[in-house]
Amino acid sequence: TALSVGETSLVTITFSEAVVAFDNTDVTVENGTLSALSSTDGGVTWTGTFTPSVNVTDTTNLITVAATYTDTAGNAGTGASSANYQ
């Protein structure tokens, strides 16, 4: 569903195994901001709050995770993009 002015949305990024050195610099968010990402399960699931930019209507938004993080064994991440969010 579309976010209205003043609304926020919880963003969850889930990996297949724990990752380290993962933070907001690894994530690109279009048309808004993402609060500091945090994990409470050892680095598998990360959450943050998305706040959309004011006065932007765009139906082709993506959240992109760069391949700049590593897992606990030191293997580089692969990167990915979300499905469209509105």
PDB file of N, CA and C in Angstrom:
ATOM      1  N   THR A   1       0.832  -1.187   0.000  1.00  0.00           N
ATOM      2  CA  THR A   1       0.000   0.000   0.000  1.00  0.00           C
ATOM      3  C   THR A   1       0.875   1.247   0.000  1.00  0.00           C
ATOM      4  N   ALA A   2       0.325   2.327  -0.440  1.00  0.00           N
ATOM      5  CA  ALA A   2       1.059   3.589  -0.508  1.00  0.00           C
ATOM      6  C   ALA A   2       1.165   4.216   0.875  1.00  0.00           C
ATOM      7  N   LEU A   3       2.296   4.872   1.118  1.00  0.00           N
ATOM      8  CA  LEU A   3       2.479   5.617   2.365  1.00  0.00           C
ATOM      9  C   LEU A   3       1.976   7.032   2.164  1.00  0.00           C
ATOM     10  N   SER A   4       1.310   7.545   3.159  1.00  0.00           N
ATOM     11  CA  SER A   4       0.839   8.924   3.132  1.00  0.00           C
ATOM     12  C   SER A   4       1.829   9.810   3.870  1.00  0.00           C
ATOM     13  N   VAL A   5       1.679  11.122   3.706  1.00  0.00           N
ATOM     14  CA  VAL A   5       2.546  12.081   4.386  1.00  0.00           C
ATOM     15  C   VAL A   5       2.528  11.803   5.881  1.00  0.00           C
ATOM     16  N   GLY A   6       3.708  11.737   6.480  1.00  0.00           N
ATOM     17  CA  GLY A   6       3.834  11.513   7.910  1.00  0.00           C
ATOM     18  C   GLY A   6       3.887  10.055   8.327  1.00  0.00           C
ATOM     19  N   GLU A   7       3.634   9.134   7.402  1.00  0.00           N
ATOM     20  CA  GLU A   7       3.688   7.716   7.731  1.00  0.00           C
ATOM     21  C   GLU A   7       5.098   7.169   7.523  1.00  0.00           C
ATOM     22  N   THR A   8       5.410   6.089   8.207  1.00  0.00           N
ATOM     23  CA  THR A   8       6.678   5.384   8.042  1.00  0.00           C
ATOM     24  C   THR A   8       6.384   3.905   7.835  1.00  0.00           C
ATOM     25  N   SER A   9       7.416   3.154   7.476  1.00  0.00           N
ATOM     26  CA  SER A   9       7.250   1.723   7.281  1.00  0.00           C
ATOM     27  C   SER A   9       8.483   0.996   7.793  1.00  0.00           C
ATOM     28  N   LEU A  10       8.276  -0.128   8.460  1.00  0.00           N
ATOM     29  CA  LEU A  10       9.384  -0.948   8.915  1.00  0.00           C
ATOM     30  C   LEU A  10       9.962  -1.697   7.719  1.00  0.00           C
ATOM     31  N   VAL A  11      11.271  -1.633   7.543  1.00  0.00           N
ATOM     32  CA  VAL A  11      11.968  -2.349   6.478  1.00  0.00           C
ATOM     33  C   VAL A  11      12.738  -3.488   7.123  1.00  0.00           C
ATOM     34  N   THR A  12      12.585  -4.687   6.592  1.00  0.00           N
ATOM     35  CA  THR A  12      13.304  -5.852   7.094  1.00  0.00           C
ATOM     36  C   THR A  12      14.144  -6.433   5.971  1.00  0.00           C
ATOM     37  N   ILE A  13      15.434  -6.615   6.235  1.00  0.00           N
ATOM     38  CA  ILE A  13      16.357  -7.231   5.287  1.00  0.00           C
ATOM     39  C   ILE A  13      16.843  -8.518   5.938  1.00  0.00           C
ATOM     40  N   THR A  14      16.611  -9.652   5.262  1.00  0.00           N
ATOM     41  CA  THR A  14      16.958 -10.952   5.825  1.00  0.00           C
ATOM     42  C   THR A  14      17.972 -11.653   4.931  1.00  0.00           C
ATOM     43  N   PHE A  15      19.046 -12.128   5.539  1.00  0.00           N
ATOM     44  CA  PHE A  15      20.095 -12.858   4.833  1.00  0.00           C
ATOM     45  C   PHE A  15      19.967 -14.347   5.127  1.00  0.00           C
ATOM     46  N   SER A  16      20.584 -15.188   4.311  1.00  0.00           N
ATOM     47  CA  SER A  16      20.531 -16.632   4.526  1.00  0.00           C
ATOM     48  C   SER A  16      21.439 -17.072   5.665  1.00  0.00           C
ATOM     49  N   GLU A  17      22.401 -16.231   6.021  1.00  0.00           N
ATOM     50  CA  GLU A  17      23.277 -16.483   7.166  1.00  0.00           C
ATOM     51  C   GLU A  17      23.730 -15.143   7.723  1.00  0.00           C
ATOM     52  N   ALA A  18      24.334 -15.159   8.891  1.00  0.00           N
ATOM     53  CA  ALA A  18      24.736 -13.915   9.555  1.00  0.00           C
ATOM     54  C   ALA A  18      25.762 -13.144   8.732  1.00  0.00           C
ATOM     55  N   VAL A  19      25.619 -11.822   8.712  1.00  0.00           N
ATOM     56  CA  VAL A  19      26.580 -10.945   8.041  1.00  0.00           C
ATOM     57  C   VAL A  19      27.170  -9.983   9.063  1.00  0.00           C
ATOM     58  N   VAL A  20      28.351  -9.491   8.746  1.00  0.00           N
ATOM     59  CA  VAL A  20      29.036  -8.534   9.614  1.00  0.00           C
ATOM     60  C   VAL A  20      29.358  -7.295   8.797  1.00  0.00           C
ATOM     61  N   ALA A  21      29.695  -6.231   9.471  1.00  0.00           N
ATOM     62  CA  ALA A  21      30.056  -4.974   8.808  1.00  0.00           C
ATOM     63  C   ALA A  21      28.956  -4.517   7.856  1.00  0.00           C
ATOM     64  N   PHE A  22      27.701  -4.696   8.263  1.00  0.00           N
ATOM     65  CA  PHE A  22      26.553  -4.270   7.466  1.00  0.00           C
ATOM     66  C   PHE A  22      25.919  -3.071   8.150  1.00  0.00           C
ATOM     67  N   ASP A  23      25.702  -1.990   7.382  1.00  0.00           N
ATOM     68  CA  ASP A  23      25.058  -0.799   7.939  1.00  0.00           C
ATOM     69  C   ASP A  23      24.407  -0.013   6.813  1.00  0.00           C
ATOM     70  N   ASN A  24      23.954   1.177   7.114  1.00  0.00           N
ATOM     71  CA  ASN A  24      23.230   1.982   6.130  1.00  0.00           C
ATOM     72  C   ASN A  24      24.048   2.338   4.899  1.00  0.00           C
ATOM     73  N   THR A  25      25.372   2.331   4.993  1.00  0.00           N
ATOM     74  CA  THR A  25      26.182   2.642   3.808  1.00  0.00           C
ATOM     75  C   THR A  25      26.089   1.535   2.769  1.00  0.00           C
ATOM     76  N   ASP A  26      25.589   0.360   3.145  1.00  0.00           N
ATOM     77  CA  ASP A  26      25.417  -0.756   2.219  1.00  0.00           C
ATOM     78  C   ASP A  26      24.057  -0.727   1.523  1.00  0.00           C
ATOM     79  N   VAL A  27      23.206   0.225   1.896  1.00  0.00           N
ATOM     80  CA  VAL A  27      21.827   0.244   1.414  1.00  0.00           C
ATOM     81  C   VAL A  27      21.518   1.576   0.735  1.00  0.00           C
ATOM     82  N   THR A  28      20.906   1.504  -0.442  1.00  0.00           N
ATOM     83  CA  THR A  28      20.431   2.693  -1.145  1.00  0.00           C
ATOM     84  C   THR A  28      18.907   2.676  -1.123  1.00  0.00           C
ATOM     85  N   VAL A  29      18.325   3.757  -0.643  1.00  0.00           N
ATOM     86  CA  VAL A  29      16.876   3.878  -0.548  1.00  0.00           C
ATOM     87  C   VAL A  29      16.450   5.066  -1.394  1.00  0.00           C
ATOM     88  N   GLU A  30      15.537   4.822  -2.333  1.00  0.00           N
ATOM     89  CA  GLU A  30      15.043   5.899  -3.186  1.00  0.00           C
ATOM     90  C   GLU A  30      13.913   6.652  -2.489  1.00  0.00           C
ATOM     91  N   ASN A  31      13.888   7.939  -2.684  1.00  0.00           N
ATOM     92  CA  ASN A  31      12.767   8.790  -2.263  1.00  0.00           C
ATOM     93  C   ASN A  31      12.435   8.717  -0.778  1.00  0.00           C
ATOM     94  N   GLY A  32      13.473   8.678   0.044  1.00  0.00           N
ATOM     95  CA  GLY A  32      13.250   8.679   1.479  1.00  0.00           C
ATOM     96  C   GLY A  32      14.527   8.390   2.234  1.00  0.00           C
ATOM     97  N   THR A  33      14.385   8.178   3.528  1.00  0.00           N
ATOM     98  CA  THR A  33      15.534   7.860   4.372  1.00  0.00           C
ATOM     99  C   THR A  33      15.241   6.594   5.164  1.00  0.00           C
ATOM    100  N   LEU A  34      16.310   5.954   5.593  1.00  0.00           N
ATOM    101  CA  LEU A  34      16.210   4.742   6.389  1.00  0.00           C
ATOM    102  C   LEU A  34      16.962   4.966   7.688  1.00  0.00           C
ATOM    103  N   SER A  35      16.282   4.746   8.814  1.00  0.00           N
ATOM    104  CA  SER A  35      16.949   4.907  10.109  1.00  0.00           C
ATOM    105  C   SER A  35      18.066   3.879  10.232  1.00  0.00           C
ATOM    106  N   ALA A  36      18.900   4.042  11.231  1.00  0.00           N
ATOM    107  CA  ALA A  36      20.022   3.125  11.437  1.00  0.00           C
ATOM    108  C   ALA A  36      19.525   1.682  11.503  1.00  0.00           C
ATOM    109  N   LEU A  37      20.117   0.832  10.678  1.00  0.00           N
ATOM    110  CA  LEU A  37      19.757  -0.578  10.671  1.00  0.00           C
ATOM    111  C   LEU A  37      20.312  -1.261  11.912  1.00  0.00           C
ATOM    112  N   SER A  38      19.561  -2.218  12.438  1.00  0.00           N
ATOM    113  CA  SER A  38      20.040  -2.975  13.590  1.00  0.00           C
ATOM    114  C   SER A  38      19.581  -4.420  13.478  1.00  0.00           C
ATOM    115  N   SER A  39      20.321  -5.295  14.156  1.00  0.00           N
ATOM    116  CA  SER A  39      19.993  -6.714  14.175  1.00  0.00           C
ATOM    117  C   SER A  39      19.941  -7.185  15.617  1.00  0.00           C
ATOM    118  N   THR A  40      18.946  -8.004  15.924  1.00  0.00           N
ATOM    119  CA  THR A  40      18.837  -8.562  17.272  1.00  0.00           C
ATOM    120  C   THR A  40      19.010 -10.076  17.272  1.00  0.00           C
ATOM    121  N   ASP A  41      19.371 -10.641  16.108  1.00  0.00           N
ATOM    122  CA  ASP A  41      19.513 -12.097  16.025  1.00  0.00           C
ATOM    123  C   ASP A  41      20.895 -12.523  15.526  1.00  0.00           C
ATOM    124  N   GLY A  42      21.896 -11.712  15.784  1.00  0.00           N
ATOM    125  CA  GLY A  42      23.253 -12.081  15.405  1.00  0.00           C
ATOM    126  C   GLY A  42      23.632 -11.754  13.977  1.00  0.00           C
ATOM    127  N   GLY A  43      22.841 -10.940  13.295  1.00  0.00           N
ATOM    128  CA  GLY A  43      23.212 -10.475  11.965  1.00  0.00           C
ATOM    129  C   GLY A  43      22.512 -11.140  10.803  1.00  0.00           C
ATOM    130  N   VAL A  44      21.466 -11.938  11.051  1.00  0.00           N
ATOM    131  CA  VAL A  44      20.705 -12.552   9.957  1.00  0.00           C
ATOM    132  C   VAL A  44      19.600 -11.613   9.485  1.00  0.00           C
ATOM    133  N   THR A  45      18.870 -11.031  10.414  1.00  0.00           N
ATOM    134  CA  THR A  45      17.749 -10.149  10.097  1.00  0.00           C
ATOM    135  C   THR A  45      18.070  -8.740  10.574  1.00  0.00           C
ATOM    136  N   TRP A  46      17.892  -7.760   9.685  1.00  0.00           N
ATOM    137  CA  TRP A  46      18.193  -6.358   9.976  1.00  0.00           C
ATOM    138  C   TRP A  46      16.931  -5.544   9.746  1.00  0.00           C
ATOM    139  N   THR A  47      16.663  -4.584  10.612  1.00  0.00           N
ATOM    140  CA  THR A  47      15.482  -3.739  10.462  1.00  0.00           C
ATOM    141  C   THR A  47      15.844  -2.266  10.598  1.00  0.00           C
ATOM    142  N   GLY A  48      15.037  -1.448   9.964  1.00  0.00           N
ATOM    143  CA  GLY A  48      15.150  -0.001  10.054  1.00  0.00           C
ATOM    144  C   GLY A  48      13.810   0.593   9.677  1.00  0.00           C
ATOM    145  N   THR A  49      13.629   1.864   9.932  1.00  0.00           N
ATOM    146  CA  THR A  49      12.375   2.536   9.611  1.00  0.00           C
ATOM    147  C   THR A  49      12.567   3.429   8.397  1.00  0.00           C
ATOM    148  N   PHE A  50      11.746   3.205   7.373  1.00  0.00           N
ATOM    149  CA  PHE A  50      11.764   4.014   6.160  1.00  0.00           C
ATOM    150  C   PHE A  50      10.817   5.190   6.345  1.00  0.00           C
ATOM    151  N   THR A  51      11.329   6.389   6.063  1.00  0.00           N
ATOM    152  CA  THR A  51      10.523   7.605   6.078  1.00  0.00           C
ATOM    153  C   THR A  51      10.555   8.191   4.675  1.00  0.00           C
ATOM    154  N   PRO A  52       9.406   8.247   3.988  1.00  0.00           N
ATOM    155  CA  PRO A  52       9.398   8.755   2.616  1.00  0.00           C
ATOM    156  C   PRO A  52       9.652  10.254   2.556  1.00  0.00           C
ATOM    157  N   SER A  53      10.214  10.679   1.432  1.00  0.00           N
ATOM    158  CA  SER A  53      10.396  12.107   1.185  1.00  0.00           C
ATOM    159  C   SER A  53       9.032  12.768   1.031  1.00  0.00           C
ATOM    160  N   VAL A  54       8.954  14.028   1.405  1.00  0.00           N
ATOM    161  CA  VAL A  54       7.712  14.779   1.295  1.00  0.00           C
ATOM    162  C   VAL A  54       7.464  15.139  -0.165  1.00  0.00           C
ATOM    163  N   ASN A  55       6.207  15.104  -0.578  1.00  0.00           N
ATOM    164  CA  ASN A  55       5.778  15.535  -1.916  1.00  0.00           C
ATOM    165  C   ASN A  55       6.407  14.739  -3.046  1.00  0.00           C
ATOM    166  N   VAL A  56       6.612  13.437  -2.843  1.00  0.00           N
ATOM    167  CA  VAL A  56       7.124  12.577  -3.906  1.00  0.00           C
ATOM    168  C   VAL A  56       6.099  11.483  -4.154  1.00  0.00           C
ATOM    169  N   THR A  57       5.683  11.362  -5.406  1.00  0.00           N
ATOM    170  CA  THR A  57       4.830  10.262  -5.814  1.00  0.00           C
ATOM    171  C   THR A  57       5.588   9.497  -6.882  1.00  0.00           C
ATOM    172  N   ASP A  58       5.957   8.264  -6.572  1.00  0.00           N
ATOM    173  CA  ASP A  58       6.762   7.466  -7.491  1.00  0.00           C
ATOM    174  C   ASP A  58       6.384   6.010  -7.292  1.00  0.00           C
ATOM    175  N   THR A  59       5.990   5.345  -8.355  1.00  0.00           N
ATOM    176  CA  THR A  59       5.567   3.949  -8.246  1.00  0.00           C
ATOM    177  C   THR A  59       6.663   2.973  -8.638  1.00  0.00           C
ATOM    178  N   THR A  60       7.896   3.446  -8.770  1.00  0.00           N
ATOM    179  CA  THR A  60       8.996   2.561  -9.168  1.00  0.00           C
ATOM    180  C   THR A  60      10.149   2.637  -8.180  1.00  0.00           C
ATOM    181  N   ASN A  61       9.857   2.614  -6.913  1.00  0.00           N
ATOM    182  CA  ASN A  61      10.886   2.718  -5.879  1.00  0.00           C
ATOM    183  C   ASN A  61      11.523   1.365  -5.589  1.00  0.00           C
ATOM    184  N   LEU A  62      12.814   1.381  -5.299  1.00  0.00           N
ATOM    185  CA  LEU A  62      13.543   0.174  -4.932  1.00  0.00           C
ATOM    186  C   LEU A  62      14.435   0.450  -3.736  1.00  0.00           C
ATOM    187  N   ILE A  63      14.684  -0.578  -2.955  1.00  0.00           N
ATOM    188  CA  ILE A  63      15.733  -0.554  -1.941  1.00  0.00           C
ATOM    189  C   ILE A  63      16.812  -1.493  -2.459  1.00  0.00           C
ATOM    190  N   THR A  64      18.033  -1.007  -2.544  1.00  0.00           N
ATOM    191  CA  THR A  64      19.133  -1.793  -3.095  1.00  0.00           C
ATOM    192  C   THR A  64      20.184  -2.035  -2.025  1.00  0.00           C
ATOM    193  N   VAL A  65      20.591  -3.297  -1.891  1.00  0.00           N
ATOM    194  CA  VAL A  65      21.662  -3.673  -0.975  1.00  0.00           C
ATOM    195  C   VAL A  65      22.899  -3.950  -1.819  1.00  0.00           C
ATOM    196  N   ALA A  66      23.974  -3.216  -1.553  1.00  0.00           N
ATOM    197  CA  ALA A  66      25.223  -3.384  -2.298  1.00  0.00           C
ATOM    198  C   ALA A  66      25.929  -4.668  -1.856  1.00  0.00           C
ATOM    199  N   ALA A  67      26.912  -5.084  -2.617  1.00  0.00           N
ATOM    200  CA  ALA A  67      27.690  -6.285  -2.305  1.00  0.00           C
ATOM    201  C   ALA A  67      28.912  -5.932  -1.465  1.00  0.00           C
ATOM    202  N   THR A  68      28.772  -4.986  -0.551  1.00  0.00           N
ATOM    203  CA  THR A  68      29.911  -4.484   0.220  1.00  0.00           C
ATOM    204  C   THR A  68      30.012  -5.080   1.614  1.00  0.00           C
ATOM    205  N   TYR A  69      29.113  -5.968   1.984  1.00  0.00           N
ATOM    206  CA  TYR A  69      29.135  -6.608   3.297  1.00  0.00           C
ATOM    207  C   TYR A  69      29.761  -8.000   3.171  1.00  0.00           C
ATOM    208  N   THR A  70      30.063  -8.623   4.291  1.00  0.00           N
ATOM    209  CA  THR A  70      30.577  -9.995   4.287  1.00  0.00           C
ATOM    210  C   THR A  70      29.807 -10.830   5.300  1.00  0.00           C
ATOM    211  N   ASP A  71      29.853 -12.152   5.094  1.00  0.00           N
ATOM    212  CA  ASP A  71      29.280 -13.028   6.112  1.00  0.00           C
ATOM    213  C   ASP A  71      30.337 -13.299   7.176  1.00  0.00           C
ATOM    214  N   THR A  72      29.985 -14.064   8.180  1.00  0.00           N
ATOM    215  CA  THR A  72      30.912 -14.289   9.291  1.00  0.00           C
ATOM    216  C   THR A  72      32.140 -15.096   8.885  1.00  0.00           C
ATOM    217  N   ALA A  73      32.082 -15.786   7.737  1.00  0.00           N
ATOM    218  CA  ALA A  73      33.235 -16.538   7.235  1.00  0.00           C
ATOM    219  C   ALA A  73      34.131 -15.671   6.354  1.00  0.00           C
ATOM    220  N   GLY A  74      33.721 -14.410   6.110  1.00  0.00           N
ATOM    221  CA  GLY A  74      34.512 -13.505   5.288  1.00  0.00           C
ATOM    222  C   GLY A  74      34.153 -13.504   3.819  1.00  0.00           C
ATOM    223  N   ASN A  75      33.097 -14.233   3.431  1.00  0.00           N
ATOM    224  CA  ASN A  75      32.660 -14.255   2.035  1.00  0.00           C
ATOM    225  C   ASN A  75      31.914 -12.970   1.700  1.00  0.00           C
ATOM    226  N   ALA A  76      32.208 -12.416   0.536  1.00  0.00           N
ATOM    227  CA  ALA A  76      31.564 -11.174   0.106  1.00  0.00           C
ATOM    228  C   ALA A  76      30.090 -11.401  -0.191  1.00  0.00           C
ATOM    229  N   GLY A  77      29.286 -10.369   0.082  1.00  0.00           N
ATOM    230  CA  GLY A  77      27.865 -10.424  -0.222  1.00  0.00           C
ATOM    231  C   GLY A  77      27.618 -10.325  -1.714  1.00  0.00           C
ATOM    232  N   THR A  78      26.400 -10.660  -2.136  1.00  0.00           N
ATOM    233  CA  THR A  78      26.066 -10.636  -3.556  1.00  0.00           C
ATOM    234  C   THR A  78      25.269  -9.412  -3.972  1.00  0.00           C
ATOM    235  N   GLY A  79      24.660  -8.721  -3.029  1.00  0.00           N
ATOM    236  CA  GLY A  79      23.840  -7.566  -3.365  1.00  0.00           C
ATOM    237  C   GLY A  79      22.499  -7.996  -3.922  1.00  0.00           C
ATOM    238  N   ALA A  80      21.514  -7.115  -3.849  1.00  0.00           N
ATOM    239  CA  ALA A  80      20.172  -7.414  -4.348  1.00  0.00           C
ATOM    240  C   ALA A  80      19.331  -6.151  -4.313  1.00  0.00           C
ATOM    241  N   SER A  81      18.195  -6.201  -5.012  1.00  0.00           N
ATOM    242  CA  SER A  81      17.226  -5.106  -4.981  1.00  0.00           C
ATOM    243  C   SER A  81      15.877  -5.646  -4.556  1.00  0.00           C
ATOM    244  N   SER A  82      15.118  -4.813  -3.889  1.00  0.00           N
ATOM    245  CA  SER A  82      13.779  -5.199  -3.452  1.00  0.00           C
ATOM    246  C   SER A  82      12.814  -5.161  -4.622  1.00  0.00           C
ATOM    247  N   ALA A  83      11.656  -5.703  -4.379  1.00  0.00           N
ATOM    248  CA  ALA A  83      10.551  -5.483  -5.296  1.00  0.00           C
ATOM    249  C   ALA A  83      10.131  -4.024  -5.147  1.00  0.00           C
ATOM    250  N   ASN A  84       9.341  -3.536  -6.074  1.00  0.00           N
ATOM    251  CA  ASN A  84       8.861  -2.158  -6.007  1.00  0.00           C
ATOM    252  C   ASN A  84       8.082  -1.922  -4.719  1.00  0.00           C
ATOM    253  N   TYR A  85       8.307  -0.786  -4.109  1.00  0.00           N
ATOM    254  CA  TYR A  85       7.486  -0.381  -2.972  1.00  0.00           C
ATOM    255  C   TYR A  85       6.878   0.966  -3.300  1.00  0.00           C
ATOM    256  N   GLN A  86       5.710   1.222  -2.758  1.00  0.00           N
ATOM    257  CA  GLN A  86       5.011   2.480  -3.030  1.00  0.00           C
ATOM    258  C   GLN A  86       4.717   3.195  -1.753  1.00  0.00           C
TER     259      GLN A  86
END
